[in-house]
C-alpha cells in the first residue's frame, strides 16, 4: 500500500465532529448505559488494531474506514465525557508524533497515546487525561494526513454509514 501525504484542509472543527459523532451514537443506543474510561480505552485500542489488520490485508478502503473509526470513537466518547478537544489541544500547544509513514509505527504510537490516557485516568490526573485525548485527536489527523487520507471525507462517509445502521447494529451490547 503506497502512502502519500494528504495536503487538504479540515472541513469541520473538532467540536463539530464531537457533536455529530455523539448524536449518531446516542440515536443508535450506544449511550444507554454509563461508559467508563477503561471501556473507552479498550474500544480505542480495538479500533487501532483493526486499522493495522486492514493494512496487513492491503485493504485500503477498510484502512481508511478504520482510521475514520478511530477518530469517530474519540470524538464520540470525548463528547460523552464533556471534554472539549479544541480547548485541550490549545492547552498543550503540541502533540507527540513520529515523522513516519510506517503503518506499524503509527499504530504503535496511537496505542501508546491511548495507554497514556489510561495511565492518567488510573492516576486520577483528569486534566492530563483530557489533554491526552486532545493529543490523540491531533495525532489521528496528523497520521491520516501523512498516509494520504482525507480524514474529514473518511469521517463523513463513515458517519453516513453509521446513520443508516440499525439500532445498535446487530443488537450488540452497549
Protein backbone atom coordinates (compact mmCIF):
# COMPACT_ATOMS: atom_id res chain seq x y z
CA UNK A 1 0.00 0.00 0.00
CA UNK A 2 1.73 3.19 -1.18
CA UNK A 3 1.29 6.22 1.02
CA UNK A 4 1.44 9.89 0.08
CA UNK A 5 0.74 12.85 2.38
CA UNK A 6 -2.69 14.43 2.08
CA UNK A 7 -2.47 18.21 1.84
CA UNK A 8 -6.11 19.23 2.31
CA UNK A 9 -7.64 21.42 4.98
CA UNK A 10 -10.02 20.48 7.74
CA UNK A 11 -13.64 20.96 6.80
CA UNK A 12 -15.13 20.69 10.29
CA UNK A 13 -13.82 21.60 13.71
CA UNK A 14 -13.22 19.09 16.47
CA UNK A 15 -16.32 20.44 18.19
CA UNK A 16 -18.42 19.93 15.04
CA UNK A 17 -17.23 16.33 14.81
CA UNK A 18 -17.76 15.70 18.51
CA UNK A 19 -21.37 16.90 18.24
CA UNK A 20 -22.11 14.88 15.11
CA UNK A 21 -20.46 11.63 16.21
CA UNK A 22 -22.06 11.78 19.66
CA UNK A 23 -25.50 12.46 18.19
CA UNK A 24 -25.30 9.48 15.83
CA UNK A 25 -24.06 7.14 18.57
CA UNK A 26 -26.70 8.37 21.00
CA UNK A 27 -29.52 7.93 18.47
CA UNK A 28 -28.36 4.37 17.88
CA UNK A 29 -28.37 3.37 21.54
CA UNK A 30 -24.67 3.45 22.33
CA UNK A 31 -25.09 5.70 25.37
CA UNK A 32 -27.88 3.83 27.14
CA UNK A 33 -25.56 2.85 29.96
CA UNK A 34 -22.61 4.56 31.56
CA UNK A 35 -19.39 4.23 29.60
CA UNK A 36 -16.22 4.16 31.68
CA UNK A 37 -12.81 5.43 30.67
CA UNK A 38 -11.36 1.88 30.78
CA UNK A 39 -14.08 0.81 28.31
CA UNK A 40 -13.31 3.77 26.07
CA UNK A 41 -9.60 2.93 26.17
CA UNK A 42 -10.34 -0.69 25.27
CA UNK A 43 -12.55 0.35 22.35
CA UNK A 44 -9.89 2.74 21.04
CA UNK A 45 -7.24 0.02 21.24
CA UNK A 46 -9.58 -2.29 19.34
CA UNK A 47 -10.07 0.26 16.55
CA UNK A 48 -6.31 0.80 16.23
CA UNK A 49 -5.78 -2.96 15.97
CA UNK A 50 -8.42 -3.12 13.23
CA UNK A 51 -6.52 -0.36 11.40
CA UNK A 52 -3.37 -2.47 11.44
CA UNK A 53 -5.28 -5.58 10.33
CA UNK A 54 -6.67 -3.68 7.33
CA UNK A 55 -3.13 -2.62 6.45
CA UNK A 56 -1.84 -6.21 6.70
CA UNK A 57 -4.60 -7.32 4.32
CA UNK A 58 -3.65 -4.49 1.94
CA UNK A 59 -7.28 -3.33 2.07
CA UNK A 60 -7.00 0.44 1.57
CA UNK A 61 -10.78 1.01 1.67
CA UNK A 62 -11.02 -0.72 5.05
CA UNK A 63 -7.84 1.02 6.21
CA UNK A 64 -9.40 4.43 5.52
CA UNK A 65 -12.64 3.35 7.23
CA UNK A 66 -10.73 2.15 10.30
CA UNK A 67 -8.81 5.43 10.54
CA UNK A 68 -12.18 7.21 10.48
CA UNK A 69 -13.50 4.80 13.14
CA UNK A 70 -10.66 5.73 15.50
CA UNK A 71 -11.43 9.42 15.06
CA UNK A 72 -15.20 8.87 15.42
CA UNK A 73 -14.72 6.82 18.58
CA UNK A 74 -12.52 9.55 20.05
CA UNK A 75 -14.94 12.34 19.06
CA UNK A 76 -17.99 10.49 20.38
CA UNK A 77 -16.50 9.48 23.70
CA UNK A 78 -14.80 12.78 24.45
CA UNK A 79 -18.14 14.49 23.92
CA UNK A 80 -19.70 11.89 26.23
CA UNK A 81 -17.05 12.74 28.85
CA UNK A 82 -17.68 16.50 28.29
CA UNK A 83 -14.12 17.07 27.06
CA UNK A 84 -13.72 19.99 24.66
CA UNK A 85 -10.99 18.72 22.34
CA UNK A 86 -10.26 22.16 20.90
CA UNK A 87 -9.56 23.56 24.37
CA UNK A 88 -7.38 20.57 25.23
CA UNK A 89 -5.29 20.96 22.08
CA UNK A 90 -4.85 24.67 22.78
CA UNK A 91 -3.66 23.88 26.31
CA UNK A 92 -0.94 21.52 25.16
CA UNK A 93 0.19 23.57 22.18
CA UNK A 94 1.91 20.48 20.80
CA UNK A 95 1.43 16.77 20.40
CA UNK A 96 3.72 13.78 20.08
CA UNK A 97 4.19 12.38 16.61
CA UNK A 98 6.67 10.32 14.71
CA UNK A 99 7.68 11.68 11.32
CA UNK A 100 6.88 8.41 9.59
CA UNK A 101 4.58 6.77 7.13
CA UNK A 102 5.38 3.32 8.57
CA UNK A 103 1.95 1.95 9.45
CA UNK A 104 3.17 -0.34 12.23
CA UNK A 105 4.97 2.57 13.91
CA UNK A 106 1.89 4.78 13.52
CA UNK A 107 -0.36 2.12 15.07
CA UNK A 108 2.05 1.58 17.94
CA UNK A 109 2.26 5.31 18.62
CA UNK A 110 -1.55 5.55 18.63
CA UNK A 111 -1.66 2.60 21.04
CA UNK A 112 0.91 4.37 23.21
CA UNK A 113 -1.17 7.54 23.27
CA UNK A 114 -4.30 5.61 24.27
CA UNK A 115 -2.27 3.91 27.00
CA UNK A 116 -1.20 7.36 28.25
CA UNK A 117 -4.89 8.27 28.53
CA UNK A 118 -5.46 5.22 30.72
CA UNK A 119 -2.39 5.93 32.82
CA UNK A 120 -3.64 9.47 33.54
CA UNK A 121 -7.07 8.07 34.37
CA UNK A 122 -5.61 5.48 36.74
CA UNK A 123 -3.52 8.16 38.47
CA UNK A 124 -6.62 10.39 38.78
CA UNK A 125 -4.98 13.08 36.63
CA UNK A 126 -8.14 14.34 34.97
CA UNK A 127 -6.61 17.40 33.31
CA UNK A 128 -3.70 15.38 31.92
CA UNK A 129 -6.14 12.72 30.71
CA UNK A 130 -8.26 15.33 28.94
CA UNK A 131 -5.18 16.80 27.25
CA UNK A 132 -4.11 13.29 26.21
CA UNK A 133 -7.47 12.83 24.46
CA UNK A 134 -6.80 16.11 22.64
CA UNK A 135 -3.33 14.92 21.66
CA UNK A 136 -4.87 11.71 20.33
CA UNK A 137 -7.26 13.71 18.13
CA UNK A 138 -4.32 15.68 16.73
CA UNK A 139 -2.26 12.53 16.18
CA UNK A 140 -5.07 10.81 14.30
CA UNK A 141 -5.37 13.78 11.95
CA UNK A 142 -1.62 14.10 11.52
CA UNK A 143 -1.08 10.42 10.75
CA UNK A 144 -4.07 10.26 8.42
CA UNK A 145 -2.54 13.18 6.52
CA UNK A 146 0.88 11.50 6.49
CA UNK A 147 -0.53 8.41 4.79
CA UNK A 148 -2.66 10.34 2.31
CA UNK A 149 -6.10 10.09 3.90
CA UNK A 150 -8.59 12.94 3.68
CA UNK A 151 -9.82 12.32 7.22
CA UNK A 152 -12.78 14.71 7.04
CA UNK A 153 -14.08 12.92 3.95
CA UNK A 154 -13.47 9.49 5.53
CA UNK A 155 -15.30 10.50 8.72
CA UNK A 156 -18.20 11.95 6.74
CA UNK A 157 -18.58 8.72 4.74
CA UNK A 158 -18.40 6.56 7.87
CA UNK A 159 -20.86 8.81 9.73
CA UNK A 160 -23.32 8.33 6.88
CA UNK A 161 -22.88 4.55 7.17
CA UNK A 162 -23.44 4.80 10.93
CA UNK A 163 -26.55 6.98 10.48
CA UNK A 164 -28.09 4.29 8.30
CA UNK A 165 -27.28 1.35 10.54
CA UNK A 166 -29.90 -0.35 12.61
CA UNK A 167 -30.22 0.36 16.32
CA UNK A 168 -27.01 -0.96 17.94
CA UNK A 169 -26.46 -2.77 14.61
CA UNK A 170 -26.67 -6.44 15.37
CA UNK A 171 -28.08 -5.87 18.86
CA UNK A 172 -24.56 -5.51 20.23
CA UNK A 173 -24.15 -4.69 23.89
CA UNK A 174 -23.60 -1.02 24.59
